[in-house]
Amino acid sequence: MEIPDLPPDISFDRLPQTSEAIDFAFEVKRAAMGPHIIPRWGWDEGFQRNFHEQRFRDTPLSRIMHNGQAVGTIALTALADYLRLDEFYLHPAYQREGLGTRILSHCLVIADARGMPLRLRYLKWNPVGSLYRRHGFMVIDETDIHFIMERQPGEASLVS
């Protein structure tokens, strides 16, 4: 689904199915997720690239723009009974500046307006889980490597 812009300085541009867009999204993912993947499994470039390209084909991604600068990727998908947040990666140069909090809050407003829960998953050892918990997400399931979290519409968060 299209994500409305977040004035005054954040916009979301749908990425086309081009090699340039795939490359951009892969570089952001590698920069953001590499530090969490490499210590566990190393980085198999071919495997990671193939996995990324399949996800790119299956999940419509948007480029996150901040003050005209491409800073990350995100996908927000409307399913039958919830919205799913995927591929939400900020380049490390733009992390810890409040952008992730603003964008996540924006997605929660969208989900609340639809009266739908927002669901996501993340690697269990990724510290981003604390951000999600502060926004009212609860673990609803897990795999060997992921926590699946959901935040019900209208639930208060600890972030104002």
Protein backbone atom coordinates (compact mmCIF):
# COMPACT_ATOMS: atom_id res chain seq x y z
CA MET A 1 0.00 0.00 0.00
CA GLU A 2 1.08 3.58 -0.47
CA ILE A 3 2.36 5.27 2.67
CA PRO A 4 1.34 8.92 2.98
CA ASP A 5 4.15 11.41 3.45
CA LEU A 6 5.05 12.58 6.94
CA PRO A 7 5.41 16.37 6.78
CA PRO A 8 7.45 18.37 6.88
CA ASP A 9 10.51 16.29 5.99
CA ILE A 10 9.76 12.59 5.38
CA SER A 11 8.32 11.07 2.22
CA PHE A 12 7.86 7.53 0.94
CA ASP A 13 8.50 6.81 -2.73
CA ARG A 14 7.50 3.43 -4.17
CA LEU A 15 10.55 1.65 -5.53
CA PRO A 16 10.21 0.38 -9.10
CA GLN A 17 11.28 -3.13 -10.10
CA THR A 18 14.62 -1.97 -11.49
CA SER A 19 18.18 -3.09 -10.85
CA GLU A 20 19.00 0.35 -9.40
CA ALA A 21 16.14 0.11 -6.90
CA ILE A 22 17.08 -3.46 -5.95
CA ASP A 23 20.69 -2.34 -5.43
CA PHE A 24 19.64 0.60 -3.26
CA ALA A 25 17.39 -1.55 -1.07
CA PHE A 26 20.08 -4.24 -0.76
CA GLU A 27 22.75 -1.74 0.30
CA VAL A 28 20.48 -0.27 2.97
CA LYS A 29 19.59 -3.75 4.22
CA ARG A 30 23.24 -4.82 4.29
CA ALA A 31 24.25 -1.68 6.22
CA ALA A 32 21.36 -1.95 8.69
CA MET A 33 21.22 -5.73 9.16
CA GLY A 34 24.80 -6.84 8.50
CA PRO A 35 25.87 -6.14 12.09
CA HIS A 36 23.10 -8.49 13.32
CA ILE A 37 23.59 -11.20 10.68
CA ILE A 38 27.38 -11.44 10.38
CA PRO A 39 28.12 -12.46 14.00
CA ARG A 40 25.61 -15.36 13.73
CA TRP A 41 26.07 -16.64 10.19
CA GLY A 42 28.66 -14.54 8.42
CA TRP A 43 27.65 -12.81 5.22
CA ASP A 44 27.14 -15.03 2.18
CA GLU A 45 26.75 -12.36 -0.51
CA GLY A 46 25.10 -14.69 -3.04
CA PHE A 47 22.61 -16.09 -0.56
CA GLN A 48 21.77 -12.66 0.85
CA ARG A 49 21.38 -11.16 -2.63
CA ASN A 50 19.10 -13.98 -3.85
CA PHE A 51 16.99 -13.79 -0.69
CA HIS A 52 16.75 -10.01 -1.02
CA GLU A 53 15.76 -10.12 -4.70
CA GLN A 54 12.97 -12.61 -3.96
CA ARG A 55 11.65 -10.43 -1.12
CA PHE A 56 11.90 -7.37 -3.37
CA ARG A 57 9.75 -9.09 -6.02
CA ASP A 58 7.18 -10.23 -3.45
CA THR A 59 6.97 -7.14 -1.22
CA PRO A 60 6.38 -3.67 -2.69
CA LEU A 61 9.00 -1.47 -1.03
CA SER A 62 9.13 2.27 -0.60
CA ARG A 63 12.24 4.39 -0.29
CA ILE A 64 12.28 6.53 2.85
CA MET A 65 13.32 10.08 1.98
CA HIS A 66 14.37 12.55 4.67
CA ASN A 67 14.95 16.14 3.56
CA GLY A 68 15.44 14.86 0.01
CA GLN A 69 18.02 12.23 1.04
CA ALA A 70 17.33 8.49 0.59
CA VAL A 71 17.78 7.03 4.09
CA GLY A 72 16.04 3.65 4.13
CA THR A 73 13.29 1.31 3.02
CA ILE A 74 9.89 0.26 4.31
CA ALA A 75 6.90 -1.82 3.24
CA LEU A 76 3.40 -1.53 4.69
CA THR A 77 0.97 -4.17 3.45
CA ALA A 78 -2.77 -4.33 4.13
CA LEU A 79 -3.90 -7.91 4.74
CA ALA A 80 -7.37 -9.16 5.63
CA ASP A 81 -7.20 -8.51 9.37
CA TYR A 82 -3.98 -6.59 10.03
CA LEU A 83 -1.34 -4.34 8.48
CA ARG A 84 2.13 -5.82 8.11
CA LEU A 85 5.29 -3.75 8.46
CA ASP A 86 8.26 -5.25 6.57
CA GLU A 87 11.70 -4.34 5.32
CA PHE A 88 11.87 -1.31 7.65
CA TYR A 89 15.56 -0.45 7.47
CA LEU A 90 17.27 2.86 8.13
CA HIS A 91 20.85 3.31 7.03
CA PRO A 92 23.00 3.43 10.20
CA ALA A 93 24.04 7.02 9.42
CA TYR A 94 20.39 8.00 10.07
CA GLN A 95 19.65 5.79 13.07
CA ARG A 96 19.33 7.11 16.61
CA GLU A 97 18.03 10.48 15.38
CA GLY A 98 14.35 9.81 16.06
CA LEU A 99 13.47 8.99 12.44
CA GLY A 100 12.60 5.37 13.22
CA THR A 101 10.34 6.46 16.06
CA ARG A 102 8.57 9.02 13.88
CA ILE A 103 8.07 6.58 11.01
CA LEU A 104 6.86 3.78 13.29
CA SER A 105 4.44 6.19 15.00
CA HIS A 106 3.20 7.26 11.55
CA CYS A 107 2.52 3.63 10.62
CA LEU A 108 0.63 3.15 13.89
CA VAL A 109 -1.56 6.18 13.11
CA ILE A 110 -2.34 4.62 9.71
CA ALA A 111 -3.21 1.27 11.34
CA ASP A 112 -5.32 2.97 14.03
CA ALA A 113 -7.24 4.94 11.38
CA ARG A 114 -8.14 1.61 9.75
CA GLY A 115 -8.95 0.00 13.09
CA MET A 116 -6.40 -2.72 12.39
CA PRO A 117 -3.48 -4.17 14.34
CA LEU A 118 0.04 -3.59 13.04
CA ARG A 119 2.24 -6.70 12.87
CA LEU A 120 5.97 -7.10 12.30
CA ARG A 121 8.86 -9.46 12.93
CA TYR A 122 12.50 -8.95 13.81
CA LEU A 123 15.60 -10.98 14.64
CA LYS A 124 15.51 -11.95 18.31
CA TRP A 125 18.93 -10.50 19.06
CA ASN A 126 18.33 -7.18 17.29
CA PRO A 127 17.99 -4.40 19.89
CA VAL A 128 15.19 -2.78 17.83
CA GLY A 129 12.76 -4.82 19.93
CA SER A 130 12.94 -2.20 22.67
CA LEU A 131 11.61 0.41 20.21
CA TYR A 132 8.67 -1.83 19.34
CA ARG A 133 7.86 -2.58 22.99
CA ARG A 134 7.87 1.15 23.80
CA HIS A 135 5.22 1.56 21.11
CA GLY A 136 2.90 -1.05 22.63
CA PHE A 137 3.87 -4.08 20.56
CA MET A 138 3.53 -7.48 22.21
CA VAL A 139 5.11 -10.78 21.15
CA ILE A 140 2.37 -12.98 19.68
CA ASP A 141 4.55 -15.74 18.22
CA GLU A 142 8.14 -16.65 17.54
CA THR A 143 10.34 -18.79 15.35
CA ASP A 144 13.85 -20.01 16.07
CA ILE A 145 15.22 -16.61 15.02
CA HIS A 146 12.33 -14.12 14.94
CA PHE A 147 9.87 -12.57 17.33
CA ILE A 148 6.52 -11.77 15.72
CA MET A 149 4.96 -8.75 17.39
CA GLU A 150 1.62 -7.02 17.09
CA ARG A 151 0.20 -3.79 18.38
CA GLN A 152 -3.58 -3.53 18.65
CA PRO A 153 -5.28 -0.41 17.31
CA GLY A 154 -5.49 2.45 19.77
CA GLU A 155 -3.20 0.89 22.36
CA ALA A 156 -1.20 3.49 24.22
CA SER A 157 2.54 3.53 23.78
CA LEU A 158 5.20 4.69 26.19
CA VAL A 159 6.43 7.17 23.58
CA SER A 160 4.69 10.52 23.36
